[in-house]
Amino acid sequence: MTSTSPDKTLRKFRRERALGRYLLNPAVQGLSRLGVRTALATELETVGRKSGQARRVPVSAQFDNDGAWVICQHGTRSGWGRNIAGNPNVRMRQGNQWRAGVAAFRPDDDVVARGRKFGRLGARMVKALETTPVSVRIDFTD
């Protein structure tokens, strides 16, 4: 958690949301549609809490045999964080395969240590973009 004021955190969140929504997310999704995969991001599909429609967002994930770990950099303030709170059933792209799973927030997990496991670049990106980060565990059900 950061030691900044609530106003400063909200301003940072709004900047980061705009950057992701209008620049980074469309770029990653466009590359994905072309079949170009990056080690820095995969796609997470949630169900829109209001629309009920599938919503995809690029995320960095650490995969293991049973699922994946993701850091929700803005916690339940983010759109996909709110979608998970409303419906934890998700799908995640692992390579070229979509995996079904159930997502759960893990506030007891050390998000700073988790961020370090994403490598030096990943940890710096998490630190630079976070406002109220929380770890999310996705357990695969397929």
N, C-alpha and C. Protein backbone atom coordinates (compact mmCIF):
# COMPACT_ATOMS: atom_id res chain seq x y z
N MET A 1 0.84 -1.17 0.00
CA MET A 1 0.00 0.00 0.00
C MET A 1 0.89 1.24 0.00
N THR A 2 0.45 2.29 -0.65
CA THR A 2 1.26 3.48 -0.76
C THR A 2 0.94 4.43 0.38
N SER A 3 1.87 5.34 0.64
CA SER A 3 1.68 6.32 1.72
C SER A 3 1.27 7.68 1.15
N THR A 4 0.72 7.70 -0.05
CA THR A 4 0.31 8.96 -0.66
C THR A 4 -1.10 9.32 -0.23
N SER A 5 -1.46 10.57 -0.47
CA SER A 5 -2.79 11.04 -0.09
C SER A 5 -3.85 10.41 -1.00
N PRO A 6 -5.10 10.33 -0.52
CA PRO A 6 -6.17 9.76 -1.34
C PRO A 6 -6.36 10.51 -2.66
N ASP A 7 -6.24 11.84 -2.65
CA ASP A 7 -6.40 12.62 -3.88
C ASP A 7 -5.32 12.28 -4.90
N LYS A 8 -4.09 12.15 -4.43
CA LYS A 8 -2.98 11.83 -5.32
C LYS A 8 -3.15 10.41 -5.88
N THR A 9 -3.59 9.48 -5.05
CA THR A 9 -3.82 8.11 -5.49
C THR A 9 -4.93 8.07 -6.54
N LEU A 10 -5.99 8.81 -6.34
CA LEU A 10 -7.09 8.85 -7.30
C LEU A 10 -6.64 9.45 -8.63
N ARG A 11 -5.85 10.51 -8.58
CA ARG A 11 -5.33 11.11 -9.82
C ARG A 11 -4.45 10.11 -10.56
N LYS A 12 -3.60 9.40 -9.83
CA LYS A 12 -2.73 8.41 -10.45
C LYS A 12 -3.56 7.30 -11.08
N PHE A 13 -4.58 6.84 -10.36
CA PHE A 13 -5.47 5.81 -10.89
C PHE A 13 -6.11 6.26 -12.19
N ARG A 14 -6.61 7.48 -12.24
CA ARG A 14 -7.27 7.98 -13.45
C ARG A 14 -6.30 8.08 -14.62
N ARG A 15 -5.07 8.52 -14.37
CA ARG A 15 -4.05 8.57 -15.43
C ARG A 15 -3.73 7.18 -15.94
N GLU A 16 -3.49 6.26 -15.01
CA GLU A 16 -3.12 4.90 -15.39
C GLU A 16 -4.26 4.19 -16.12
N ARG A 17 -5.51 4.43 -15.69
CA ARG A 17 -6.66 3.82 -16.35
C ARG A 17 -6.77 4.32 -17.78
N ALA A 18 -6.58 5.62 -17.99
CA ALA A 18 -6.66 6.17 -19.34
C ALA A 18 -5.54 5.62 -20.22
N LEU A 19 -4.33 5.56 -19.69
CA LEU A 19 -3.20 5.02 -20.43
C LEU A 19 -3.46 3.57 -20.85
N GLY A 20 -3.94 2.77 -19.90
CA GLY A 20 -4.23 1.37 -20.21
C GLY A 20 -5.39 1.22 -21.18
N ARG A 21 -6.47 1.93 -20.92
CA ARG A 21 -7.69 1.78 -21.72
C ARG A 21 -7.50 2.21 -23.16
N TYR A 22 -6.79 3.31 -23.39
CA TYR A 22 -6.71 3.88 -24.73
C TYR A 22 -5.41 3.60 -25.48
N LEU A 23 -4.38 3.10 -24.79
CA LEU A 23 -3.10 2.88 -25.46
C LEU A 23 -2.60 1.44 -25.29
N LEU A 24 -2.32 1.05 -24.05
CA LEU A 24 -1.69 -0.24 -23.82
C LEU A 24 -2.60 -1.43 -24.11
N ASN A 25 -3.81 -1.43 -23.56
CA ASN A 25 -4.72 -2.57 -23.76
C ASN A 25 -5.06 -2.78 -25.24
N PRO A 26 -5.41 -1.72 -25.99
CA PRO A 26 -5.68 -1.94 -27.41
C PRO A 26 -4.46 -2.46 -28.18
N ALA A 27 -3.26 -2.00 -27.81
CA ALA A 27 -2.06 -2.48 -28.50
C ALA A 27 -1.84 -3.97 -28.26
N VAL A 28 -1.95 -4.41 -27.01
CA VAL A 28 -1.76 -5.83 -26.69
C VAL A 28 -2.86 -6.66 -27.34
N GLN A 29 -4.10 -6.19 -27.30
CA GLN A 29 -5.20 -6.94 -27.89
C GLN A 29 -5.06 -7.02 -29.41
N GLY A 30 -4.60 -5.95 -30.03
CA GLY A 30 -4.37 -5.97 -31.48
C GLY A 30 -3.30 -6.97 -31.86
N LEU A 31 -2.21 -6.99 -31.12
CA LEU A 31 -1.15 -7.97 -31.38
C LEU A 31 -1.67 -9.39 -31.17
N SER A 32 -2.49 -9.58 -30.16
CA SER A 32 -3.06 -10.90 -29.88
C SER A 32 -3.93 -11.38 -31.04
N ARG A 33 -4.73 -10.48 -31.59
CA ARG A 33 -5.58 -10.84 -32.73
C ARG A 33 -4.74 -11.26 -33.94
N LEU A 34 -3.55 -10.68 -34.05
CA LEU A 34 -2.64 -11.04 -35.15
C LEU A 34 -1.86 -12.32 -34.85
N GLY A 35 -2.03 -12.86 -33.66
CA GLY A 35 -1.32 -14.08 -33.28
C GLY A 35 0.03 -13.83 -32.66
N VAL A 36 0.34 -12.57 -32.35
CA VAL A 36 1.61 -12.22 -31.73
C VAL A 36 1.42 -12.26 -30.22
N ARG A 37 2.17 -13.12 -29.55
CA ARG A 37 2.07 -13.24 -28.09
C ARG A 37 3.32 -12.65 -27.47
N THR A 38 3.15 -12.05 -26.32
CA THR A 38 4.28 -11.49 -25.59
C THR A 38 4.39 -12.17 -24.24
N ALA A 39 5.60 -12.30 -23.74
CA ALA A 39 5.81 -12.91 -22.43
C ALA A 39 5.36 -11.97 -21.32
N LEU A 40 5.23 -10.69 -21.61
CA LEU A 40 4.86 -9.72 -20.59
C LEU A 40 3.35 -9.68 -20.32
N ALA A 41 2.54 -10.17 -21.26
CA ALA A 41 1.09 -10.06 -21.07
C ALA A 41 0.36 -11.24 -21.68
N THR A 42 -0.72 -11.61 -21.03
CA THR A 42 -1.67 -12.56 -21.56
C THR A 42 -3.05 -11.95 -21.39
N GLU A 43 -4.07 -12.61 -21.89
CA GLU A 43 -5.41 -12.04 -21.78
C GLU A 43 -6.21 -12.73 -20.68
N LEU A 44 -6.94 -11.92 -19.94
CA LEU A 44 -7.87 -12.40 -18.92
C LEU A 44 -9.26 -11.98 -19.37
N GLU A 45 -10.17 -12.94 -19.39
CA GLU A 45 -11.54 -12.65 -19.79
C GLU A 45 -12.46 -12.77 -18.57
N THR A 46 -13.15 -11.68 -18.27
CA THR A 46 -14.12 -11.66 -17.18
C THR A 46 -15.50 -11.45 -17.77
N VAL A 47 -16.51 -11.57 -16.94
CA VAL A 47 -17.88 -11.28 -17.35
C VAL A 47 -18.25 -9.91 -16.78
N GLY A 48 -18.69 -9.01 -17.65
CA GLY A 48 -19.04 -7.67 -17.22
C GLY A 48 -20.12 -7.69 -16.15
N ARG A 49 -19.87 -7.00 -15.06
CA ARG A 49 -20.80 -7.03 -13.92
C ARG A 49 -22.13 -6.38 -14.25
N LYS A 50 -22.15 -5.45 -15.19
CA LYS A 50 -23.40 -4.79 -15.59
C LYS A 50 -23.94 -5.35 -16.91
N SER A 51 -23.06 -5.52 -17.87
CA SER A 51 -23.49 -5.93 -19.21
C SER A 51 -23.69 -7.44 -19.34
N GLY A 52 -22.95 -8.20 -18.55
CA GLY A 52 -22.99 -9.65 -18.70
C GLY A 52 -22.19 -10.15 -19.89
N GLN A 53 -21.51 -9.25 -20.60
CA GLN A 53 -20.73 -9.61 -21.77
C GLN A 53 -19.28 -9.91 -21.39
N ALA A 54 -18.62 -10.69 -22.23
CA ALA A 54 -17.22 -11.01 -22.01
C ALA A 54 -16.38 -9.75 -22.16
N ARG A 55 -15.45 -9.54 -21.23
CA ARG A 55 -14.54 -8.41 -21.25
C ARG A 55 -13.12 -8.96 -21.15
N ARG A 56 -12.26 -8.56 -22.07
CA ARG A 56 -10.87 -9.03 -22.07
C ARG A 56 -9.93 -7.88 -21.74
N VAL A 57 -8.93 -8.23 -20.93
CA VAL A 57 -7.93 -7.24 -20.52
C VAL A 57 -6.58 -7.94 -20.49
N PRO A 58 -5.53 -7.28 -20.97
CA PRO A 58 -4.20 -7.88 -20.87
C PRO A 58 -3.67 -7.78 -19.44
N VAL A 59 -3.08 -8.86 -18.97
CA VAL A 59 -2.50 -8.91 -17.63
C VAL A 59 -1.18 -9.67 -17.70
N SER A 60 -0.33 -9.45 -16.71
CA SER A 60 0.86 -10.28 -16.54
C SER A 60 0.50 -11.38 -15.57
N ALA A 61 0.89 -12.61 -15.88
CA ALA A 61 0.51 -13.75 -15.05
C ALA A 61 1.70 -14.65 -14.81
N GLN A 62 1.67 -15.30 -13.65
CA GLN A 62 2.63 -16.35 -13.31
C GLN A 62 1.83 -17.65 -13.28
N PHE A 63 2.11 -18.53 -14.23
CA PHE A 63 1.38 -19.79 -14.33
C PHE A 63 2.08 -20.87 -13.52
N ASP A 64 1.27 -21.77 -12.96
CA ASP A 64 1.79 -22.98 -12.34
C ASP A 64 0.89 -24.13 -12.80
N ASN A 65 1.03 -25.31 -12.22
CA ASN A 65 0.28 -26.48 -12.68
C ASN A 65 -1.23 -26.34 -12.47
N ASP A 66 -1.64 -25.63 -11.45
CA ASP A 66 -3.06 -25.57 -11.08
C ASP A 66 -3.75 -24.27 -11.44
N GLY A 67 -3.00 -23.26 -11.86
CA GLY A 67 -3.63 -21.97 -12.15
C GLY A 67 -2.60 -20.90 -12.42
N ALA A 68 -2.94 -19.68 -11.98
CA ALA A 68 -2.07 -18.54 -12.24
C ALA A 68 -2.25 -17.48 -11.15
N TRP A 69 -1.22 -16.68 -10.98
CA TRP A 69 -1.25 -15.52 -10.10
C TRP A 69 -1.22 -14.27 -10.96
N VAL A 70 -2.02 -13.30 -10.60
CA VAL A 70 -2.08 -12.02 -11.30
C VAL A 70 -2.11 -10.94 -10.23
N ILE A 71 -1.56 -9.77 -10.53
CA ILE A 71 -1.67 -8.64 -9.62
C ILE A 71 -2.66 -7.65 -10.20
N CYS A 72 -3.70 -7.38 -9.45
CA CYS A 72 -4.70 -6.38 -9.83
C CYS A 72 -4.19 -5.06 -9.25
N GLN A 73 -3.56 -4.25 -10.11
CA GLN A 73 -2.83 -3.08 -9.65
C GLN A 73 -3.69 -2.02 -8.99
N HIS A 74 -4.97 -2.00 -9.32
CA HIS A 74 -5.86 -1.01 -8.72
C HIS A 74 -6.94 -1.68 -7.87
N GLY A 75 -6.74 -2.92 -7.52
CA GLY A 75 -7.70 -3.63 -6.66
C GLY A 75 -9.10 -3.64 -7.23
N THR A 76 -10.08 -3.54 -6.37
CA THR A 76 -11.46 -3.57 -6.84
C THR A 76 -11.90 -2.23 -7.42
N ARG A 77 -11.00 -1.30 -7.52
CA ARG A 77 -11.28 -0.03 -8.20
C ARG A 77 -11.22 -0.22 -9.72
N SER A 78 -10.47 -1.21 -10.17
CA SER A 78 -10.34 -1.45 -11.61
C SER A 78 -11.59 -2.16 -12.13
N GLY A 79 -11.83 -2.00 -13.42
CA GLY A 79 -12.99 -2.64 -14.03
C GLY A 79 -12.96 -4.15 -13.91
N TRP A 80 -11.81 -4.76 -14.23
CA TRP A 80 -11.76 -6.22 -14.17
C TRP A 80 -11.77 -6.71 -12.74
N GLY A 81 -11.27 -5.92 -11.82
CA GLY A 81 -11.36 -6.29 -10.40
C GLY A 81 -12.81 -6.30 -9.92
N ARG A 82 -13.57 -5.31 -10.35
CA ARG A 82 -15.00 -5.27 -10.00
C ARG A 82 -15.75 -6.41 -10.66
N ASN A 83 -15.36 -6.74 -11.90
CA ASN A 83 -16.02 -7.86 -12.58
C ASN A 83 -15.78 -9.17 -11.83
N ILE A 84 -14.56 -9.38 -11.35
CA ILE A 84 -14.24 -10.60 -10.59
C ILE A 84 -15.02 -10.63 -9.29
N ALA A 85 -15.14 -9.48 -8.63
CA ALA A 85 -15.91 -9.43 -7.39
C ALA A 85 -17.37 -9.81 -7.65
N GLY A 86 -17.89 -9.44 -8.82
CA GLY A 86 -19.26 -9.74 -9.17
C GLY A 86 -19.47 -11.16 -9.67
N ASN A 87 -18.47 -11.69 -10.38
CA ASN A 87 -18.54 -13.05 -10.93
C ASN A 87 -17.11 -13.58 -11.05
N PRO A 88 -16.70 -14.49 -10.18
CA PRO A 88 -15.31 -14.95 -10.18
C PRO A 88 -14.96 -15.94 -11.30
N ASN A 89 -15.93 -16.35 -12.11
CA ASN A 89 -15.64 -17.27 -13.21
C ASN A 89 -14.97 -16.50 -14.34
N VAL A 90 -13.77 -16.94 -14.71
CA VAL A 90 -12.97 -16.24 -15.72
C VAL A 90 -12.41 -17.25 -16.72
N ARG A 91 -11.83 -16.71 -17.78
CA ARG A 91 -11.01 -17.49 -18.71
C ARG A 91 -9.71 -16.75 -18.88
N MET A 92 -8.63 -17.51 -19.07
CA MET A 92 -7.31 -16.90 -19.24
C MET A 92 -6.58 -17.61 -20.37
N ARG A 93 -5.93 -16.82 -21.20
CA ARG A 93 -5.15 -17.41 -22.29
C ARG A 93 -3.80 -17.85 -21.74
N GLN A 94 -3.50 -19.12 -21.94
CA GLN A 94 -2.19 -19.66 -21.59
C GLN A 94 -1.56 -20.14 -22.89
N GLY A 95 -0.68 -19.34 -23.43
CA GLY A 95 -0.14 -19.63 -24.76
C GLY A 95 -1.24 -19.42 -25.79
N ASN A 96 -1.55 -20.47 -26.56
CA ASN A 96 -2.62 -20.38 -27.55
C ASN A 96 -3.91 -21.01 -27.07
N GLN A 97 -3.97 -21.41 -25.81
CA GLN A 97 -5.12 -22.12 -25.27
C GLN A 97 -5.84 -21.26 -24.23
N TRP A 98 -7.17 -21.28 -24.26
CA TRP A 98 -7.96 -20.61 -23.25
C TRP A 98 -8.25 -21.59 -22.13
N ARG A 99 -8.05 -21.17 -20.88
CA ARG A 99 -8.29 -21.99 -19.70
C ARG A 99 -9.39 -21.36 -18.86
N ALA A 100 -10.35 -22.18 -18.42
CA ALA A 100 -11.41 -21.70 -17.54
C ALA A 100 -10.91 -21.76 -16.10
N GLY A 101 -11.37 -20.83 -15.28
CA GLY A 101 -10.94 -20.81 -13.90
C GLY A 101 -11.83 -19.98 -13.01
N VAL A 102 -11.50 -20.01 -11.74
CA VAL A 102 -12.20 -19.21 -10.73
C VAL A 102 -11.17 -18.31 -10.07
N ALA A 103 -11.47 -17.02 -10.07
CA ALA A 103 -10.53 -16.03 -9.52
C ALA A 103 -10.95 -15.64 -8.11
N ALA A 104 -9.94 -15.40 -7.27
CA ALA A 104 -10.19 -14.95 -5.90
C ALA A 104 -9.13 -13.94 -5.50
N PHE A 105 -9.57 -12.85 -4.87
CA PHE A 105 -8.62 -11.88 -4.34
C PHE A 105 -7.92 -12.51 -3.15
N ARG A 106 -6.62 -12.26 -3.03
CA ARG A 106 -5.84 -12.78 -1.92
C ARG A 106 -5.13 -11.63 -1.23
N PRO A 107 -5.84 -10.85 -0.43
CA PRO A 107 -5.24 -9.70 0.24
C PRO A 107 -4.15 -10.09 1.23
N ASP A 108 -4.13 -11.35 1.67
CA ASP A 108 -3.11 -11.82 2.61
C ASP A 108 -1.78 -12.12 1.92
N ASP A 109 -1.78 -12.20 0.58
CA ASP A 109 -0.56 -12.47 -0.17
C ASP A 109 0.30 -11.21 -0.22
N ASP A 110 1.60 -11.38 -0.13
CA ASP A 110 2.55 -10.26 -0.19
C ASP A 110 2.69 -9.81 -1.64
N VAL A 111 1.98 -8.75 -2.00
CA VAL A 111 1.95 -8.29 -3.38
C VAL A 111 3.32 -7.78 -3.84
N VAL A 112 4.11 -7.24 -2.95
CA VAL A 112 5.45 -6.76 -3.32
C VAL A 112 6.34 -7.95 -3.69
N ALA A 113 6.33 -8.99 -2.87
CA ALA A 113 7.11 -10.19 -3.17
C ALA A 113 6.59 -10.86 -4.43
N ARG A 114 5.29 -10.88 -4.61
CA ARG A 114 4.68 -11.47 -5.81
C ARG A 114 5.14 -10.71 -7.04
N GLY A 115 5.18 -9.38 -6.96
CA GLY A 115 5.63 -8.56 -8.08
C GLY A 115 7.06 -8.85 -8.49
N ARG A 116 7.92 -9.15 -7.50
CA ARG A 116 9.32 -9.48 -7.80
C ARG A 116 9.44 -10.75 -8.63
N LYS A 117 8.48 -11.65 -8.49
CA LYS A 117 8.52 -12.91 -9.24
C LYS A 117 8.22 -12.72 -10.72
N PHE A 118 7.74 -11.52 -11.08
CA PHE A 118 7.49 -11.21 -12.48
C PHE A 118 8.77 -10.75 -13.18
N GLY A 119 9.89 -10.77 -12.48
CA GLY A 119 11.15 -10.31 -13.04
C GLY A 119 11.35 -8.84 -12.77
N ARG A 120 12.52 -8.36 -13.06
CA ARG A 120 12.87 -6.97 -12.77
C ARG A 120 11.96 -5.99 -13.50
N LEU A 121 11.75 -6.22 -14.80
CA LEU A 121 10.89 -5.31 -15.58
C LEU A 121 9.46 -5.39 -15.09
N GLY A 122 8.96 -6.59 -14.86
CA GLY A 122 7.59 -6.76 -14.37
C GLY A 122 7.38 -6.10 -13.03
N ALA A 123 8.34 -6.26 -12.12
CA ALA A 123 8.23 -5.65 -10.80
C ALA A 123 8.22 -4.12 -10.90
N ARG A 124 9.03 -3.57 -11.78
CA ARG A 124 9.04 -2.11 -11.96
C ARG A 124 7.74 -1.60 -12.55
N MET A 125 7.17 -2.38 -13.49
CA MET A 125 5.90 -1.98 -14.09
C MET A 125 4.78 -1.99 -13.04
N VAL A 126 4.76 -3.04 -12.22
CA VAL A 126 3.75 -3.13 -11.16
C VAL A 126 3.88 -1.94 -10.23
N LYS A 127 5.09 -1.65 -9.79
CA LYS A 127 5.33 -0.55 -8.86
C LYS A 127 4.93 0.80 -9.47
N ALA A 128 5.26 0.99 -10.74
CA ALA A 128 4.96 2.26 -11.39
C ALA A 128 3.47 2.46 -11.61
N LEU A 129 2.72 1.39 -11.85
CA LEU A 129 1.32 1.53 -12.22
C LEU A 129 0.33 1.29 -11.08
N GLU A 130 0.79 0.80 -9.96
CA GLU A 130 -0.13 0.42 -8.88
C GLU A 130 -0.69 1.62 -8.13
N THR A 131 -1.90 1.43 -7.59
CA THR A 131 -2.45 2.39 -6.63
C THR A 131 -2.87 1.64 -5.37
N THR A 132 -3.66 0.59 -5.50
CA THR A 132 -4.09 -0.24 -4.36
C THR A 132 -3.99 -1.71 -4.79
N PRO A 133 -2.77 -2.22 -4.98
CA PRO A 133 -2.60 -3.55 -5.56
C PRO A 133 -3.06 -4.68 -4.63
N VAL A 134 -3.54 -5.74 -5.25
CA VAL A 134 -3.92 -6.95 -4.52
C VAL A 134 -3.64 -8.15 -5.43
N SER A 135 -3.17 -9.22 -4.84
CA SER A 135 -2.92 -10.44 -5.61
C SER A 135 -4.24 -11.14 -5.91
N VAL A 136 -4.30 -11.75 -7.08
CA VAL A 136 -5.46 -12.52 -7.49
C VAL A 136 -4.97 -13.92 -7.87
N ARG A 137 -5.60 -14.92 -7.28
CA ARG A 137 -5.29 -16.31 -7.62
C ARG A 137 -6.39 -16.83 -8.53
N ILE A 138 -6.00 -17.41 -9.65
CA ILE A 138 -6.94 -18.04 -10.57
C ILE A 138 -6.65 -19.53 -10.55
N ASP A 139 -7.61 -20.31 -10.07
CA ASP A 139 -7.49 -21.77 -10.05
C ASP A 139 -8.23 -22.30 -11.27
N PHE A 140 -7.50 -23.03 -12.12
CA PHE A 140 -8.10 -23.58 -13.34
C PHE A 140 -9.10 -24.67 -13.01
N THR A 141 -10.20 -24.70 -13.73
CA THR A 141 -11.24 -25.69 -13.51
C THR A 141 -11.37 -26.66 -14.68
N ASP A 142 -10.63 -26.46 -15.75
CA ASP A 142 -10.73 -27.37 -16.89
C ASP A 142 -9.68 -28.44 -16.88
